[in-house]
């Protein structure tokens, strides 16, 4: 399974509501067969521009990164689910590169 990173912006909420939204997201990943490796809180900050989502205007958001392994086939359904979640302002899934083997560069013999 490839390794992915979910960059997630949640709307500005109190801690219990934020924790519940994160729990829903991680449970969704696990239900679809993903293996979650880590969760990183990047803090709450001003958004780069005002965003409209679910008939609300957002100027602040809480940023999170979720590191996980998953089959590529679940990503479309996952993104559809996240776009429907009223607490998620912006989700983005990025594929993480596998590290290249050390020692040989550009195929040159040493």
N, C-alpha and C. Protein backbone atom coordinates (compact mmCIF):
# COMPACT_ATOMS: atom_id res chain seq x y z
N UNK A 1 0.84 -1.18 0.00
CA UNK A 1 0.00 0.00 0.00
C UNK A 1 0.88 1.24 0.00
N UNK A 2 0.55 2.20 -0.82
CA UNK A 2 1.31 3.46 -0.84
C UNK A 2 1.06 4.28 0.42
N UNK A 3 1.99 5.18 0.67
CA UNK A 3 1.90 6.05 1.84
C UNK A 3 1.38 7.42 1.39
N UNK A 4 0.42 7.95 2.17
CA UNK A 4 -0.20 9.23 1.85
C UNK A 4 -0.16 10.15 3.07
N UNK A 5 -0.39 11.42 2.79
CA UNK A 5 -0.52 12.41 3.84
C UNK A 5 -1.78 13.22 3.57
N UNK A 6 -2.66 13.29 4.57
CA UNK A 6 -3.89 14.06 4.46
C UNK A 6 -3.67 15.40 5.15
N UNK A 7 -3.65 16.47 4.36
CA UNK A 7 -3.57 17.83 4.91
C UNK A 7 -5.01 18.30 5.09
N UNK A 8 -5.34 18.62 6.32
CA UNK A 8 -6.72 18.89 6.67
C UNK A 8 -6.83 20.24 7.35
N UNK A 9 -7.75 21.07 6.89
CA UNK A 9 -8.07 22.33 7.56
C UNK A 9 -9.48 22.20 8.10
N UNK A 10 -9.60 22.28 9.41
CA UNK A 10 -10.91 22.24 10.06
C UNK A 10 -11.33 23.66 10.43
N UNK A 11 -12.63 23.90 10.49
CA UNK A 11 -13.08 25.22 10.89
C UNK A 11 -12.71 25.47 12.35
N UNK A 12 -12.60 26.72 12.73
CA UNK A 12 -12.22 27.08 14.09
C UNK A 12 -13.34 26.69 15.05
N UNK A 13 -13.00 25.78 15.98
CA UNK A 13 -13.98 25.27 16.96
C UNK A 13 -13.28 25.12 18.30
N UNK A 14 -14.07 24.82 19.34
CA UNK A 14 -13.51 24.51 20.64
C UNK A 14 -12.84 23.13 20.58
N UNK A 15 -11.99 22.84 21.56
CA UNK A 15 -11.21 21.61 21.56
C UNK A 15 -12.06 20.33 21.46
N UNK A 16 -13.16 20.17 22.21
CA UNK A 16 -13.94 18.93 22.10
C UNK A 16 -14.52 18.70 20.70
N UNK A 17 -14.99 19.76 20.07
CA UNK A 17 -15.55 19.63 18.72
C UNK A 17 -14.45 19.30 17.70
N UNK A 18 -13.28 19.91 17.87
CA UNK A 18 -12.15 19.60 16.99
C UNK A 18 -11.73 18.15 17.15
N UNK A 19 -11.65 17.68 18.38
CA UNK A 19 -11.27 16.29 18.64
C UNK A 19 -12.29 15.33 18.03
N UNK A 20 -13.58 15.66 18.12
CA UNK A 20 -14.61 14.81 17.54
C UNK A 20 -14.49 14.75 16.01
N UNK A 21 -14.19 15.88 15.38
CA UNK A 21 -14.02 15.91 13.92
C UNK A 21 -12.80 15.08 13.51
N UNK A 22 -11.72 15.19 14.25
CA UNK A 22 -10.53 14.39 13.95
C UNK A 22 -10.81 12.90 14.16
N UNK A 23 -11.50 12.57 15.22
CA UNK A 23 -11.84 11.17 15.49
C UNK A 23 -12.69 10.60 14.36
N UNK A 24 -13.66 11.38 13.87
CA UNK A 24 -14.48 10.93 12.73
C UNK A 24 -13.63 10.67 11.50
N UNK A 25 -12.69 11.56 11.25
CA UNK A 25 -11.84 11.42 10.08
C UNK A 25 -10.96 10.18 10.17
N UNK A 26 -10.32 9.97 11.32
CA UNK A 26 -9.45 8.81 11.49
C UNK A 26 -10.27 7.52 11.44
N UNK A 27 -11.45 7.51 12.05
CA UNK A 27 -12.30 6.32 11.99
C UNK A 27 -12.72 6.02 10.56
N UNK A 28 -12.99 7.05 9.77
CA UNK A 28 -13.33 6.85 8.36
C UNK A 28 -12.18 6.20 7.62
N UNK A 29 -10.96 6.68 7.88
CA UNK A 29 -9.78 6.09 7.24
C UNK A 29 -9.65 4.61 7.60
N UNK A 30 -9.77 4.30 8.88
CA UNK A 30 -9.60 2.92 9.35
C UNK A 30 -10.72 2.02 8.80
N UNK A 31 -11.95 2.51 8.77
CA UNK A 31 -13.06 1.73 8.23
C UNK A 31 -12.85 1.38 6.77
N UNK A 32 -12.16 2.23 6.04
CA UNK A 32 -11.92 1.99 4.62
C UNK A 32 -10.65 1.18 4.37
N UNK A 33 -9.98 0.75 5.43
CA UNK A 33 -8.83 -0.13 5.28
C UNK A 33 -7.48 0.55 5.36
N UNK A 34 -7.43 1.79 5.74
CA UNK A 34 -6.15 2.51 5.85
C UNK A 34 -5.49 2.19 7.19
N UNK A 35 -4.18 2.34 7.20
CA UNK A 35 -3.39 2.18 8.43
C UNK A 35 -2.82 3.56 8.76
N UNK A 36 -3.30 4.15 9.85
CA UNK A 36 -2.88 5.50 10.24
C UNK A 36 -1.57 5.40 11.01
N UNK A 37 -0.55 6.14 10.55
CA UNK A 37 0.77 6.13 11.18
C UNK A 37 0.95 7.27 12.17
N UNK A 38 0.34 8.41 11.90
CA UNK A 38 0.55 9.55 12.78
C UNK A 38 -0.41 10.69 12.50
N UNK A 39 -0.52 11.54 13.50
CA UNK A 39 -1.36 12.73 13.41
C UNK A 39 -0.56 13.89 13.98
N UNK A 40 -0.48 14.96 13.21
CA UNK A 40 0.30 16.12 13.64
C UNK A 40 -0.59 17.35 13.64
N UNK A 41 -0.61 18.06 14.76
CA UNK A 41 -1.37 19.28 14.90
C UNK A 41 -0.45 20.45 14.55
N UNK A 42 -0.81 21.20 13.54
CA UNK A 42 -0.01 22.36 13.13
C UNK A 42 -0.54 23.66 13.71
N UNK A 43 -1.62 23.57 14.48
CA UNK A 43 -2.15 24.75 15.17
C UNK A 43 -3.25 25.46 14.41
N UNK A 44 -3.83 26.43 15.09
CA UNK A 44 -4.88 27.25 14.48
C UNK A 44 -4.25 28.55 14.01
N UNK A 45 -4.66 28.98 12.84
CA UNK A 45 -4.11 30.23 12.28
C UNK A 45 -5.08 30.84 11.29
N UNK A 46 -4.77 32.03 10.87
CA UNK A 46 -5.57 32.69 9.85
C UNK A 46 -5.41 31.95 8.53
N UNK A 47 -6.50 31.82 7.79
CA UNK A 47 -6.43 31.21 6.47
C UNK A 47 -5.80 32.21 5.50
N UNK A 48 -5.17 31.73 4.44
CA UNK A 48 -4.54 32.66 3.50
C UNK A 48 -5.54 33.59 2.81
N UNK A 49 -6.78 33.13 2.71
CA UNK A 49 -7.86 33.95 2.19
C UNK A 49 -9.17 33.42 2.76
N UNK A 50 -10.22 34.21 2.72
CA UNK A 50 -11.50 33.77 3.26
C UNK A 50 -12.07 32.66 2.38
N UNK A 51 -12.53 31.58 3.03
CA UNK A 51 -13.05 30.43 2.30
C UNK A 51 -14.52 30.22 2.64
N UNK A 52 -15.31 29.92 1.64
CA UNK A 52 -16.72 29.60 1.84
C UNK A 52 -16.88 28.09 1.75
N UNK A 53 -17.52 27.51 2.76
CA UNK A 53 -17.78 26.07 2.76
C UNK A 53 -19.06 25.82 3.54
N UNK A 54 -19.99 25.08 2.95
CA UNK A 54 -21.27 24.75 3.58
C UNK A 54 -22.01 26.01 4.05
N UNK A 55 -22.05 27.00 3.18
CA UNK A 55 -22.76 28.27 3.43
C UNK A 55 -22.22 29.02 4.65
N UNK A 56 -20.97 28.84 4.96
CA UNK A 56 -20.31 29.59 6.03
C UNK A 56 -19.03 30.21 5.46
N UNK A 57 -18.67 31.35 6.01
CA UNK A 57 -17.44 32.03 5.58
C UNK A 57 -16.41 31.84 6.68
N UNK A 58 -15.23 31.32 6.32
CA UNK A 58 -14.19 31.00 7.30
C UNK A 58 -12.96 31.88 7.08
N UNK A 59 -12.44 32.43 8.17
CA UNK A 59 -11.20 33.22 8.09
C UNK A 59 -10.10 32.61 8.95
N UNK A 60 -10.46 31.67 9.86
CA UNK A 60 -9.50 30.96 10.70
C UNK A 60 -9.73 29.46 10.54
N UNK A 61 -8.66 28.69 10.74
CA UNK A 61 -8.79 27.25 10.64
C UNK A 61 -7.72 26.54 11.44
N UNK A 62 -8.00 25.29 11.79
CA UNK A 62 -7.05 24.44 12.50
C UNK A 62 -6.44 23.49 11.48
N UNK A 63 -5.10 23.46 11.42
CA UNK A 63 -4.37 22.68 10.43
C UNK A 63 -3.88 21.37 11.05
N UNK A 64 -4.08 20.26 10.33
CA UNK A 64 -3.64 18.94 10.78
C UNK A 64 -3.05 18.17 9.61
N UNK A 65 -2.08 17.29 9.91
CA UNK A 65 -1.53 16.35 8.94
C UNK A 65 -1.75 14.95 9.47
N UNK A 66 -2.31 14.07 8.65
CA UNK A 66 -2.52 12.68 9.01
C UNK A 66 -1.72 11.83 8.03
N UNK A 67 -0.80 11.05 8.57
CA UNK A 67 0.08 10.18 7.79
C UNK A 67 -0.53 8.78 7.80
N UNK A 68 -0.75 8.19 6.60
CA UNK A 68 -1.40 6.88 6.56
C UNK A 68 -1.00 6.09 5.31
N UNK A 69 -1.18 4.77 5.40
CA UNK A 69 -1.03 3.86 4.27
C UNK A 69 -2.44 3.46 3.84
N UNK A 70 -2.68 3.40 2.52
CA UNK A 70 -3.99 3.01 2.03
C UNK A 70 -3.90 2.57 0.58
N UNK A 71 -4.89 1.79 0.17
CA UNK A 71 -5.01 1.43 -1.23
C UNK A 71 -5.48 2.66 -2.01
N UNK A 72 -4.95 2.87 -3.21
CA UNK A 72 -5.37 4.04 -3.99
C UNK A 72 -6.86 4.08 -4.29
N UNK A 73 -7.52 2.93 -4.29
CA UNK A 73 -8.93 2.88 -4.65
C UNK A 73 -9.84 3.55 -3.63
N UNK A 74 -9.40 3.76 -2.39
CA UNK A 74 -10.26 4.36 -1.37
C UNK A 74 -10.23 5.88 -1.39
N UNK A 75 -9.29 6.47 -2.12
CA UNK A 75 -9.10 7.93 -2.03
C UNK A 75 -10.29 8.72 -2.55
N UNK A 76 -10.91 8.28 -3.62
CA UNK A 76 -12.05 9.01 -4.17
C UNK A 76 -13.21 9.05 -3.18
N UNK A 77 -13.54 7.90 -2.60
CA UNK A 77 -14.61 7.86 -1.60
C UNK A 77 -14.27 8.65 -0.36
N UNK A 78 -13.00 8.60 0.04
CA UNK A 78 -12.55 9.37 1.21
C UNK A 78 -12.72 10.87 0.97
N UNK A 79 -12.29 11.34 -0.17
CA UNK A 79 -12.41 12.77 -0.47
C UNK A 79 -13.88 13.20 -0.56
N UNK A 80 -14.73 12.36 -1.13
CA UNK A 80 -16.17 12.68 -1.17
C UNK A 80 -16.72 12.80 0.24
N UNK A 81 -16.33 11.89 1.12
CA UNK A 81 -16.78 11.94 2.51
C UNK A 81 -16.30 13.22 3.20
N UNK A 82 -15.03 13.57 3.01
CA UNK A 82 -14.48 14.76 3.66
C UNK A 82 -15.10 16.05 3.13
N UNK A 83 -15.41 16.10 1.85
CA UNK A 83 -16.05 17.30 1.30
C UNK A 83 -17.46 17.49 1.84
N UNK A 84 -18.11 16.40 2.26
CA UNK A 84 -19.46 16.51 2.83
C UNK A 84 -19.45 16.83 4.32
N UNK A 85 -18.32 16.62 5.00
CA UNK A 85 -18.22 16.88 6.44
C UNK A 85 -18.29 18.40 6.67
N UNK A 86 -19.22 18.84 7.51
CA UNK A 86 -19.44 20.28 7.71
C UNK A 86 -18.30 20.94 8.49
N UNK A 87 -17.48 20.17 9.20
CA UNK A 87 -16.38 20.75 9.97
C UNK A 87 -15.10 20.87 9.16
N UNK A 88 -15.03 20.23 8.01
CA UNK A 88 -13.82 20.27 7.18
C UNK A 88 -13.92 21.42 6.19
N UNK A 89 -12.95 22.33 6.25
CA UNK A 89 -12.92 23.46 5.33
C UNK A 89 -12.18 23.07 4.05
N UNK A 90 -11.04 22.38 4.18
CA UNK A 90 -10.25 22.02 3.01
C UNK A 90 -9.46 20.73 3.26
N UNK A 91 -9.77 19.63 2.55
CA UNK A 91 -8.95 18.44 2.63
C UNK A 91 -8.07 18.32 1.38
N UNK A 92 -6.89 17.74 1.55
CA UNK A 92 -6.01 17.47 0.42
C UNK A 92 -5.18 16.23 0.75
N UNK A 93 -5.14 15.28 -0.20
CA UNK A 93 -4.35 14.07 -0.01
C UNK A 93 -3.13 14.16 -0.92
N UNK A 94 -1.97 13.93 -0.34
CA UNK A 94 -0.71 13.97 -1.07
C UNK A 94 -0.03 12.61 -0.95
N UNK A 95 0.51 12.11 -2.04
CA UNK A 95 1.25 10.85 -1.98
C UNK A 95 2.68 11.16 -1.55
N UNK A 96 3.14 10.41 -0.54
CA UNK A 96 4.50 10.62 -0.04
C UNK A 96 5.45 9.76 -0.86
N UNK A 97 6.58 10.31 -1.20
CA UNK A 97 7.58 9.58 -1.98
C UNK A 97 8.28 8.55 -1.13
N UNK A 98 8.69 7.47 -1.77
CA UNK A 98 9.51 6.49 -1.07
C UNK A 98 10.96 6.96 -1.17
N UNK A 99 11.74 6.81 -0.11
CA UNK A 99 13.12 7.28 -0.15
C UNK A 99 13.94 6.47 -1.15
N UNK A 100 14.80 7.17 -1.89
CA UNK A 100 15.65 6.49 -2.87
C UNK A 100 16.82 5.82 -2.16
N UNK A 101 17.31 4.69 -2.69
CA UNK A 101 18.43 4.00 -2.04
C UNK A 101 19.69 4.85 -2.11
N UNK A 102 20.43 4.84 -1.02
CA UNK A 102 21.66 5.62 -0.94
C UNK A 102 22.81 4.89 -1.63
N UNK A 103 23.81 5.62 -2.00
CA UNK A 103 25.02 5.02 -2.53
C UNK A 103 25.17 5.24 -4.02
N UNK A 104 24.16 4.93 -4.81
CA UNK A 104 24.32 5.09 -6.24
C UNK A 104 23.54 6.31 -6.70
N UNK A 105 24.24 7.20 -7.35
CA UNK A 105 23.64 8.43 -7.85
C UNK A 105 23.82 8.47 -9.36
N UNK A 106 22.74 8.64 -10.06
CA UNK A 106 22.75 8.84 -11.51
C UNK A 106 23.36 7.66 -12.26
N UNK A 107 23.47 6.51 -11.63
CA UNK A 107 23.99 5.33 -12.30
C UNK A 107 25.48 5.34 -12.54
N UNK A 108 26.21 6.23 -11.91
CA UNK A 108 27.65 6.30 -12.10
C UNK A 108 28.35 5.29 -11.21
N UNK A 109 29.34 4.62 -11.73
CA UNK A 109 30.15 3.69 -10.97
C UNK A 109 31.26 4.46 -10.26
N UNK A 110 31.53 4.06 -9.03
CA UNK A 110 32.61 4.74 -8.28
C UNK A 110 33.69 3.77 -7.93
